[in-house]
Structures are given as structure tokens and as C-alpha cells.
């Protein structure tokens, strides 16, 4: 290596290449395939469904927007735009956090809870068909650990 030049890259061997190609393919293809039935049957994007779903599981169906952004792996800006659309449909309300007015709380309305209840079977069927039912117990365990391991390299805002 000469001064100012980059070090020689660590090229991928066959095992590395197969792992990398597999995960990239999954990252690129899976969201669209998970979203398609939600759009067709319920008029929801995957991100909208995940937003509503996380809220439906929260105590009193309420979450701070910053926590919801963390749970959905979205930026606060993206989440704000989506929540604005969901508010327009009557599925979500936003209000200042009563414990700390610097934060905004998103609350799932009864109508929002109903759309999650209707869409959940579609989402679960697709998740099972495309991913979980194709894997054995050991593969599902490994698949659960991989994101945890990789997440250590990607610090998230707000955490």
C-alpha cells in the first residue's frame, strides 16, 4: 500500500458471497412482497401497517412518536408524514405528551384498531407463507439472532 492509497479490499469468498447475496436479495424483495397483500386487501403500506400494529400493542394504544419511530425503524420525519395520513383517515390522533410537553404522543383510535384487527390475518398469512413456514426451528432461531447481532453495528437514534 502506498501513502494515500486505500488498502486492498477483503474480497468475498464463495461462502461470504452466498450469505451477502442472500441477505441483499431478501432485503430488496421481501418488503414489496409483504406489502402487496396489505395494499390490495386493506389499502395499507407495510410501514403504515407496522405503525398501526405497534400502537395497537402499546399500553392504552399510545406511544411517543420518538418511540414509534424506533419501533418502526423509520425516521421521525417519515413517521410524521405517515401519521399525518393516518390521522386523515381517522385512525390516529396526535397530542402533546401530558408527562412532558416536548414530546408528541400518537394514539390509535377505535377505527385504527379495527383496521389493524382486519389487516393482521393478511399480514400474518403472508409472513408465514413467505418466511416462517419455510424454515425449521433451528433456522428460525438463527434468523432471530442475526438481526440482533447486526443491530449492534447500527446505533439507532433515540436509544
N, C-alpha and C. Protein backbone atom coordinates (compact mmCIF):
# COMPACT_ATOMS: atom_id res chain seq x y z
N UNK A 1 0.86 -1.17 0.00
CA UNK A 1 0.00 0.00 0.00
C UNK A 1 0.90 1.23 0.00
N UNK A 2 0.61 2.14 -0.89
CA UNK A 2 1.36 3.39 -0.94
C UNK A 2 0.63 4.44 -0.13
N UNK A 3 1.38 5.47 0.26
CA UNK A 3 0.78 6.52 1.07
C UNK A 3 -0.37 7.17 0.29
N UNK A 4 -1.52 7.33 0.96
CA UNK A 4 -2.67 7.96 0.35
C UNK A 4 -3.56 7.00 -0.41
N UNK A 5 -3.13 5.77 -0.60
CA UNK A 5 -3.98 4.82 -1.32
C UNK A 5 -4.80 3.99 -0.32
N UNK A 6 -5.87 3.47 -0.81
CA UNK A 6 -6.74 2.64 0.02
C UNK A 6 -6.14 1.25 0.16
N UNK A 7 -6.39 0.59 1.30
CA UNK A 7 -5.92 -0.79 1.42
C UNK A 7 -6.68 -1.69 0.45
N UNK A 8 -6.05 -2.77 0.08
CA UNK A 8 -6.69 -3.76 -0.81
C UNK A 8 -7.96 -4.26 -0.13
N UNK A 9 -9.09 -4.30 -0.85
CA UNK A 9 -10.33 -4.77 -0.22
C UNK A 9 -10.23 -6.24 0.15
N UNK A 10 -10.97 -6.61 1.18
CA UNK A 10 -11.09 -8.02 1.55
C UNK A 10 -12.18 -8.63 0.68
N UNK A 11 -11.79 -9.31 -0.39
CA UNK A 11 -12.75 -9.86 -1.33
C UNK A 11 -13.57 -10.96 -0.67
N UNK A 12 -14.76 -11.16 -1.16
CA UNK A 12 -15.65 -12.18 -0.62
C UNK A 12 -15.30 -13.54 -1.18
N UNK A 13 -15.24 -14.53 -0.29
CA UNK A 13 -15.09 -15.90 -0.77
C UNK A 13 -16.49 -16.42 -1.12
N UNK A 14 -16.59 -17.64 -1.56
CA UNK A 14 -17.87 -18.19 -2.02
C UNK A 14 -18.93 -18.19 -0.90
N UNK A 15 -18.51 -18.53 0.32
CA UNK A 15 -19.45 -18.56 1.43
C UNK A 15 -19.94 -17.15 1.77
N UNK A 16 -19.00 -16.21 1.83
CA UNK A 16 -19.36 -14.81 2.09
C UNK A 16 -20.30 -14.28 1.01
N UNK A 17 -19.97 -14.57 -0.24
CA UNK A 17 -20.78 -14.07 -1.35
C UNK A 17 -22.19 -14.64 -1.30
N UNK A 18 -22.32 -15.91 -1.00
CA UNK A 18 -23.65 -16.52 -0.91
C UNK A 18 -24.46 -15.89 0.23
N UNK A 19 -23.81 -15.66 1.37
CA UNK A 19 -24.51 -15.04 2.50
C UNK A 19 -24.92 -13.61 2.15
N UNK A 20 -24.02 -12.85 1.58
CA UNK A 20 -24.31 -11.45 1.26
C UNK A 20 -25.38 -11.34 0.18
N UNK A 21 -25.25 -12.13 -0.87
CA UNK A 21 -26.25 -12.10 -1.95
C UNK A 21 -27.62 -12.50 -1.42
N UNK A 22 -27.65 -13.48 -0.54
CA UNK A 22 -28.92 -13.92 0.04
C UNK A 22 -29.59 -12.83 0.86
N UNK A 23 -28.83 -12.17 1.71
CA UNK A 23 -29.44 -11.15 2.56
C UNK A 23 -29.85 -9.92 1.74
N UNK A 24 -29.05 -9.54 0.77
CA UNK A 24 -29.42 -8.40 -0.07
C UNK A 24 -30.69 -8.72 -0.86
N UNK A 25 -30.78 -9.91 -1.39
CA UNK A 25 -31.99 -10.30 -2.12
C UNK A 25 -33.21 -10.23 -1.21
N UNK A 26 -33.06 -10.73 0.01
CA UNK A 26 -34.17 -10.71 0.96
C UNK A 26 -34.55 -9.28 1.32
N UNK A 27 -33.56 -8.44 1.56
CA UNK A 27 -33.82 -7.04 1.92
C UNK A 27 -34.54 -6.33 0.78
N UNK A 28 -34.18 -6.62 -0.44
CA UNK A 28 -34.76 -5.92 -1.59
C UNK A 28 -36.14 -6.46 -1.95
N UNK A 29 -36.35 -7.75 -1.86
CA UNK A 29 -37.60 -8.37 -2.33
C UNK A 29 -38.69 -8.48 -1.27
N UNK A 30 -38.32 -8.77 -0.04
CA UNK A 30 -39.31 -9.09 0.97
C UNK A 30 -40.29 -7.96 1.29
N UNK A 31 -39.83 -6.71 1.47
CA UNK A 31 -40.80 -5.66 1.81
C UNK A 31 -41.93 -5.53 0.79
N UNK A 32 -41.61 -5.56 -0.48
CA UNK A 32 -42.65 -5.45 -1.51
C UNK A 32 -43.61 -6.61 -1.49
N UNK A 33 -43.08 -7.79 -1.24
CA UNK A 33 -43.94 -8.98 -1.21
C UNK A 33 -44.81 -9.01 0.04
N UNK A 34 -44.30 -8.45 1.14
CA UNK A 34 -45.13 -8.34 2.35
C UNK A 34 -46.19 -7.25 2.19
N UNK A 35 -45.85 -6.20 1.46
CA UNK A 35 -46.75 -5.06 1.31
C UNK A 35 -47.88 -5.33 0.32
N UNK A 36 -47.61 -6.08 -0.71
CA UNK A 36 -48.59 -6.26 -1.79
C UNK A 36 -49.97 -6.72 -1.29
N UNK A 37 -50.07 -7.76 -0.48
CA UNK A 37 -51.40 -8.16 0.00
C UNK A 37 -52.05 -7.11 0.91
N UNK A 38 -51.24 -6.40 1.70
CA UNK A 38 -51.79 -5.35 2.55
C UNK A 38 -52.39 -4.23 1.71
N UNK A 39 -51.71 -3.84 0.66
CA UNK A 39 -52.22 -2.79 -0.24
C UNK A 39 -53.50 -3.26 -0.93
N UNK A 40 -53.43 -4.46 -1.48
CA UNK A 40 -54.54 -4.99 -2.26
C UNK A 40 -55.80 -5.18 -1.41
N UNK A 41 -55.64 -5.76 -0.22
CA UNK A 41 -56.79 -6.13 0.59
C UNK A 41 -57.23 -5.06 1.58
N UNK A 42 -56.31 -4.14 1.97
CA UNK A 42 -56.64 -3.18 3.04
C UNK A 42 -56.23 -1.75 2.74
N UNK A 43 -55.58 -1.51 1.60
CA UNK A 43 -55.16 -0.16 1.25
C UNK A 43 -54.08 0.40 2.16
N UNK A 44 -53.24 -0.49 2.70
CA UNK A 44 -52.18 -0.09 3.63
C UNK A 44 -50.81 -0.39 3.06
N UNK A 45 -49.86 0.51 3.31
CA UNK A 45 -48.46 0.17 3.04
C UNK A 45 -47.96 -0.68 4.21
N UNK A 46 -46.85 -1.35 4.02
CA UNK A 46 -46.26 -2.13 5.11
C UNK A 46 -45.89 -1.22 6.27
N UNK A 47 -45.33 -0.06 5.97
CA UNK A 47 -44.94 0.87 7.04
C UNK A 47 -46.16 1.36 7.81
N UNK A 48 -47.26 1.65 7.11
CA UNK A 48 -48.49 2.05 7.80
C UNK A 48 -48.99 0.93 8.70
N UNK A 49 -48.98 -0.29 8.18
CA UNK A 49 -49.45 -1.42 8.98
C UNK A 49 -48.58 -1.58 10.22
N UNK A 50 -47.27 -1.54 10.06
CA UNK A 50 -46.37 -1.71 11.21
C UNK A 50 -46.57 -0.60 12.23
N UNK A 51 -46.79 0.61 11.76
CA UNK A 51 -47.05 1.75 12.66
C UNK A 51 -48.31 1.49 13.48
N UNK A 52 -49.38 1.14 12.80
CA UNK A 52 -50.65 0.87 13.49
C UNK A 52 -50.53 -0.34 14.42
N UNK A 53 -49.84 -1.36 13.96
CA UNK A 53 -49.68 -2.59 14.76
C UNK A 53 -48.93 -2.33 16.06
N UNK A 54 -47.84 -1.58 15.97
CA UNK A 54 -47.08 -1.26 17.19
C UNK A 54 -47.94 -0.46 18.17
N UNK A 55 -48.71 0.46 17.64
CA UNK A 55 -49.59 1.24 18.51
C UNK A 55 -50.65 0.36 19.15
N UNK A 56 -51.16 -0.62 18.40
CA UNK A 56 -52.21 -1.49 18.93
C UNK A 56 -51.71 -2.35 20.10
N UNK A 57 -50.42 -2.59 20.15
CA UNK A 57 -49.83 -3.42 21.21
C UNK A 57 -49.35 -2.61 22.40
N UNK A 58 -49.35 -1.29 22.28
CA UNK A 58 -48.84 -0.42 23.35
C UNK A 58 -49.90 -0.23 24.44
N UNK A 59 -49.47 0.03 25.66
CA UNK A 59 -50.43 0.34 26.73
C UNK A 59 -51.33 1.51 26.31
N UNK A 60 -52.60 1.33 26.49
CA UNK A 60 -53.61 2.33 26.13
C UNK A 60 -53.56 2.71 24.65
N UNK A 61 -52.86 1.89 23.84
CA UNK A 61 -52.71 2.14 22.40
C UNK A 61 -52.10 3.50 22.12
N UNK A 62 -51.12 3.90 22.95
CA UNK A 62 -50.46 5.20 22.82
C UNK A 62 -48.95 5.01 22.88
N UNK A 63 -48.25 5.77 22.04
CA UNK A 63 -46.78 5.78 22.05
C UNK A 63 -46.28 7.17 21.72
N UNK A 64 -45.16 7.54 22.34
CA UNK A 64 -44.48 8.75 21.90
C UNK A 64 -44.03 8.53 20.47
N UNK A 65 -44.07 9.59 19.70
CA UNK A 65 -43.65 9.50 18.30
C UNK A 65 -42.21 9.02 18.19
N UNK A 66 -41.34 9.45 19.09
CA UNK A 66 -39.94 9.02 19.03
C UNK A 66 -39.82 7.52 19.26
N UNK A 67 -40.60 6.97 20.17
CA UNK A 67 -40.58 5.53 20.42
C UNK A 67 -41.16 4.78 19.23
N UNK A 68 -42.22 5.31 18.65
CA UNK A 68 -42.83 4.68 17.48
C UNK A 68 -41.86 4.68 16.29
N UNK A 69 -41.11 5.75 16.12
CA UNK A 69 -40.10 5.80 15.06
C UNK A 69 -39.05 4.72 15.29
N UNK A 70 -38.64 4.54 16.53
CA UNK A 70 -37.67 3.49 16.87
C UNK A 70 -38.24 2.11 16.53
N UNK A 71 -39.47 1.86 16.94
CA UNK A 71 -40.08 0.54 16.73
C UNK A 71 -40.29 0.22 15.25
N UNK A 72 -40.58 1.23 14.45
CA UNK A 72 -40.82 1.01 13.03
C UNK A 72 -39.56 1.13 12.19
N UNK A 73 -38.44 1.43 12.82
CA UNK A 73 -37.17 1.63 12.12
C UNK A 73 -37.29 2.73 11.07
N UNK A 74 -38.08 3.75 11.38
CA UNK A 74 -38.25 4.87 10.47
C UNK A 74 -37.74 6.15 11.11
N UNK A 75 -37.46 7.11 10.28
CA UNK A 75 -37.06 8.42 10.80
C UNK A 75 -38.29 9.10 11.38
N UNK A 76 -38.07 10.04 12.27
CA UNK A 76 -39.18 10.80 12.85
C UNK A 76 -39.91 11.57 11.75
N UNK A 77 -39.16 12.06 10.78
CA UNK A 77 -39.77 12.79 9.66
C UNK A 77 -40.68 11.88 8.84
N UNK A 78 -40.20 10.71 8.49
CA UNK A 78 -41.03 9.76 7.72
C UNK A 78 -42.27 9.38 8.51
N UNK A 79 -42.07 9.08 9.79
CA UNK A 79 -43.19 8.68 10.64
C UNK A 79 -44.21 9.80 10.74
N UNK A 80 -43.76 11.03 10.89
CA UNK A 80 -44.69 12.17 10.98
C UNK A 80 -45.57 12.26 9.74
N UNK A 81 -44.97 12.06 8.57
CA UNK A 81 -45.75 12.10 7.33
C UNK A 81 -46.77 10.97 7.28
N UNK A 82 -46.38 9.79 7.69
CA UNK A 82 -47.29 8.65 7.69
C UNK A 82 -48.41 8.86 8.71
N UNK A 83 -48.06 9.31 9.90
CA UNK A 83 -49.07 9.53 10.94
C UNK A 83 -50.05 10.62 10.50
N UNK A 84 -49.57 11.61 9.77
CA UNK A 84 -50.47 12.65 9.26
C UNK A 84 -51.51 12.02 8.32
N UNK A 85 -51.07 11.11 7.45
CA UNK A 85 -52.01 10.41 6.56
C UNK A 85 -52.99 9.56 7.38
N UNK A 86 -52.48 8.88 8.40
CA UNK A 86 -53.33 8.02 9.23
C UNK A 86 -54.33 8.85 10.03
N UNK A 87 -53.91 10.04 10.44
CA UNK A 87 -54.84 10.97 11.11
C UNK A 87 -55.97 11.35 10.15
N UNK A 88 -55.62 11.61 8.91
CA UNK A 88 -56.61 11.97 7.91
C UNK A 88 -57.66 10.89 7.68
N UNK A 89 -57.28 9.65 7.92
CA UNK A 89 -58.21 8.53 7.79
C UNK A 89 -58.99 8.27 9.08
N UNK A 90 -58.65 9.03 10.12
CA UNK A 90 -59.33 8.86 11.40
C UNK A 90 -58.82 7.69 12.23
N UNK A 91 -57.62 7.20 11.92
CA UNK A 91 -57.08 6.03 12.61
C UNK A 91 -56.13 6.38 13.75
N UNK A 92 -55.60 7.60 13.75
CA UNK A 92 -54.61 8.01 14.74
C UNK A 92 -54.91 9.46 15.15
N UNK A 93 -54.59 9.79 16.40
CA UNK A 93 -54.63 11.17 16.89
C UNK A 93 -53.27 11.49 17.50
N UNK A 94 -52.83 12.72 17.34
CA UNK A 94 -51.60 13.17 17.99
C UNK A 94 -51.95 14.23 19.01
N UNK A 95 -51.18 14.22 20.11
CA UNK A 95 -51.38 15.22 21.15
C UNK A 95 -50.08 15.39 21.92
N UNK A 96 -49.92 16.51 22.63
CA UNK A 96 -48.72 16.68 23.46
C UNK A 96 -48.69 15.61 24.56
N UNK A 97 -47.52 15.15 24.88
CA UNK A 97 -47.36 14.18 25.98
C UNK A 97 -47.71 14.87 27.29
N UNK A 98 -48.68 14.35 28.05
CA UNK A 98 -49.07 15.01 29.29
C UNK A 98 -47.95 15.01 30.34
N UNK A 99 -47.01 14.06 30.22
CA UNK A 99 -45.90 13.99 31.17
C UNK A 99 -44.75 14.92 30.80
N UNK A 100 -44.64 15.24 29.51
CA UNK A 100 -43.56 16.11 29.03
C UNK A 100 -43.98 16.69 27.69
N UNK A 101 -44.45 17.91 27.70
CA UNK A 101 -45.00 18.56 26.52
C UNK A 101 -44.03 18.72 25.36
N UNK A 102 -42.75 18.42 25.58
CA UNK A 102 -41.79 18.49 24.47
C UNK A 102 -42.00 17.34 23.50
N UNK A 103 -42.68 16.29 23.95
CA UNK A 103 -42.91 15.11 23.13
C UNK A 103 -44.34 15.10 22.61
N UNK A 104 -44.54 14.36 21.52
CA UNK A 104 -45.86 14.16 20.95
C UNK A 104 -46.22 12.69 21.11
N UNK A 105 -47.46 12.44 21.50
CA UNK A 105 -47.97 11.09 21.66
C UNK A 105 -48.93 10.78 20.51
N UNK A 106 -48.76 9.63 19.91
CA UNK A 106 -49.69 9.15 18.88
C UNK A 106 -50.61 8.13 19.55
N UNK A 107 -51.91 8.30 19.35
CA UNK A 107 -52.91 7.41 19.93
C UNK A 107 -53.71 6.75 18.83
N UNK A 108 -53.88 5.45 18.94
CA UNK A 108 -54.67 4.69 17.98
C UNK A 108 -56.14 4.83 18.32
N UNK A 109 -56.95 5.24 17.36
CA UNK A 109 -58.39 5.36 17.58
C UNK A 109 -59.04 3.98 17.48
N UNK A 110 -60.30 3.90 17.85
CA UNK A 110 -61.03 2.64 17.70
C UNK A 110 -61.07 2.21 16.23
N UNK A 111 -61.26 3.17 15.33
CA UNK A 111 -61.28 2.85 13.91
C UNK A 111 -59.91 2.34 13.45
N UNK A 112 -58.83 2.91 14.00
CA UNK A 112 -57.48 2.45 13.68
C UNK A 112 -57.24 1.04 14.20
N UNK A 113 -57.73 0.78 15.40
CA UNK A 113 -57.59 -0.57 15.96
C UNK A 113 -58.35 -1.58 15.10
N UNK A 114 -59.50 -1.19 14.60
CA UNK A 114 -60.30 -2.08 13.76
C UNK A 114 -59.57 -2.42 12.46
N UNK A 115 -58.91 -1.45 11.85
CA UNK A 115 -58.19 -1.74 10.60
C UNK A 115 -57.01 -2.66 10.87
N UNK A 116 -56.34 -2.50 12.01
CA UNK A 116 -55.25 -3.42 12.36
C UNK A 116 -55.81 -4.82 12.56
N UNK A 117 -56.93 -4.92 13.25
CA UNK A 117 -57.56 -6.22 13.51
C UNK A 117 -57.95 -6.90 12.19
N UNK A 118 -58.41 -6.11 11.24
CA UNK A 118 -58.79 -6.67 9.93
C UNK A 118 -57.57 -7.07 9.10
N UNK A 119 -56.51 -6.26 9.17
CA UNK A 119 -55.34 -6.49 8.33
C UNK A 119 -54.37 -7.52 8.91
N UNK A 120 -54.39 -7.73 10.21
CA UNK A 120 -53.42 -8.64 10.85
C UNK A 120 -53.43 -10.05 10.24
N UNK A 121 -54.59 -10.67 10.01
CA UNK A 121 -54.56 -12.01 9.42
C UNK A 121 -53.89 -12.04 8.04
N UNK A 122 -54.09 -10.99 7.25
CA UNK A 122 -53.45 -10.91 5.94
C UNK A 122 -51.94 -10.85 6.11
N UNK A 123 -51.48 -9.98 7.00
CA UNK A 123 -50.05 -9.84 7.23
C UNK A 123 -49.44 -11.14 7.78
N UNK A 124 -50.09 -11.73 8.75
CA UNK A 124 -49.56 -12.96 9.35
C UNK A 124 -49.52 -14.10 8.34
N UNK A 125 -50.55 -14.21 7.52
CA UNK A 125 -50.58 -15.26 6.49
C UNK A 125 -49.38 -15.08 5.55
N UNK A 126 -49.12 -13.84 5.14
CA UNK A 126 -48.02 -13.57 4.22
C UNK A 126 -46.67 -13.84 4.86
N UNK A 127 -46.50 -13.41 6.12
CA UNK A 127 -45.24 -13.66 6.84
C UNK A 127 -45.00 -15.17 6.95
N UNK A 128 -46.03 -15.91 7.26
CA UNK A 128 -45.88 -17.37 7.38
C UNK A 128 -45.55 -18.00 6.03
N UNK A 129 -46.31 -17.61 4.99
CA UNK A 129 -46.11 -18.21 3.66
C UNK A 129 -44.72 -17.90 3.09
N UNK A 130 -44.29 -16.66 3.24
CA UNK A 130 -43.03 -16.25 2.62
C UNK A 130 -41.79 -16.58 3.43
N UNK A 131 -41.94 -16.65 4.75
CA UNK A 131 -40.75 -16.79 5.59
C UNK A 131 -40.87 -17.95 6.58
N UNK A 132 -41.68 -17.78 7.60
CA UNK A 132 -41.61 -18.66 8.77
C UNK A 132 -41.93 -20.12 8.48
N UNK A 133 -42.95 -20.39 7.68
CA UNK A 133 -43.32 -21.78 7.43
C UNK A 133 -42.33 -22.51 6.52
N UNK A 134 -41.42 -21.78 5.92
CA UNK A 134 -40.40 -22.38 5.05
C UNK A 134 -39.15 -22.78 5.84
N UNK A 135 -39.10 -22.38 7.11
CA UNK A 135 -37.91 -22.61 7.93
C UNK A 135 -38.20 -23.60 9.04
N UNK A 136 -37.19 -24.38 9.37
CA UNK A 136 -37.28 -25.23 10.54
C UNK A 136 -37.01 -24.43 11.80
N UNK A 137 -37.19 -25.10 12.95
CA UNK A 137 -36.99 -24.42 14.23
C UNK A 137 -35.59 -23.81 14.35
N UNK A 138 -34.57 -24.57 13.98
CA UNK A 138 -33.19 -24.08 14.11
C UNK A 138 -32.96 -22.86 13.22
N UNK A 139 -33.48 -22.90 11.99
CA UNK A 139 -33.30 -21.75 11.09
C UNK A 139 -34.04 -20.52 11.61
N UNK A 140 -35.22 -20.70 12.18
CA UNK A 140 -35.95 -19.55 12.73
C UNK A 140 -35.19 -18.95 13.91
N UNK A 141 -34.58 -19.80 14.73
CA UNK A 141 -33.77 -19.29 15.85
C UNK A 141 -32.59 -18.48 15.34
N UNK A 142 -31.89 -19.00 14.33
CA UNK A 142 -30.76 -18.28 13.76
C UNK A 142 -31.23 -16.97 13.14
N UNK A 143 -32.34 -17.03 12.41
CA UNK A 143 -32.87 -15.82 11.79
C UNK A 143 -33.22 -14.77 12.83
N UNK A 144 -33.67 -15.20 13.99
CA UNK A 144 -33.96 -14.26 15.08
C UNK A 144 -32.71 -13.64 15.67
N UNK A 145 -31.61 -14.39 15.68
CA UNK A 145 -30.36 -13.88 16.26
C UNK A 145 -29.59 -12.97 15.32
N UNK A 146 -29.68 -13.20 14.03
CA UNK A 146 -28.89 -12.42 13.07
C UNK A 146 -29.18 -10.94 13.18
N UNK A 147 -30.45 -10.50 13.15
CA UNK A 147 -30.68 -9.05 13.27
C UNK A 147 -30.16 -8.47 14.59
N UNK A 148 -30.28 -9.23 15.68
CA UNK A 148 -29.75 -8.75 16.96
C UNK A 148 -28.25 -8.52 16.86
N UNK A 149 -27.55 -9.45 16.25
CA UNK A 149 -26.10 -9.34 16.10
C UNK A 149 -25.73 -8.16 15.21
N UNK A 150 -26.40 -8.04 14.08
CA UNK A 150 -26.09 -6.95 13.15
C UNK A 150 -26.51 -5.59 13.69
N UNK A 151 -27.56 -5.55 14.50
CA UNK A 151 -28.05 -4.27 15.04
C UNK A 151 -27.01 -3.59 15.90
N UNK A 152 -26.08 -4.33 16.46
CA UNK A 152 -25.03 -3.72 17.26
C UNK A 152 -24.17 -2.77 16.43
N UNK A 153 -24.15 -2.97 15.12
CA UNK A 153 -23.37 -2.10 14.23
C UNK A 153 -24.14 -0.87 13.80
N UNK A 154 -25.45 -0.82 14.11
CA UNK A 154 -26.31 0.27 13.64
C UNK A 154 -27.00 0.93 14.82
N UNK A 155 -26.30 1.84 15.50
CA UNK A 155 -26.97 2.51 16.61
C UNK A 155 -28.18 3.27 16.11
N UNK A 156 -29.25 3.21 16.88
CA UNK A 156 -30.48 3.87 16.48
C UNK A 156 -30.65 5.16 17.28
N UNK A 157 -31.20 6.15 16.62
CA UNK A 157 -31.49 7.41 17.29
C UNK A 157 -32.55 7.17 18.35
N UNK A 158 -32.45 7.86 19.44
CA UNK A 158 -33.47 7.76 20.48
C UNK A 158 -33.24 6.63 21.44
N UNK A 159 -32.18 5.84 21.25
CA UNK A 159 -31.91 4.71 22.16
C UNK A 159 -30.51 4.76 22.67
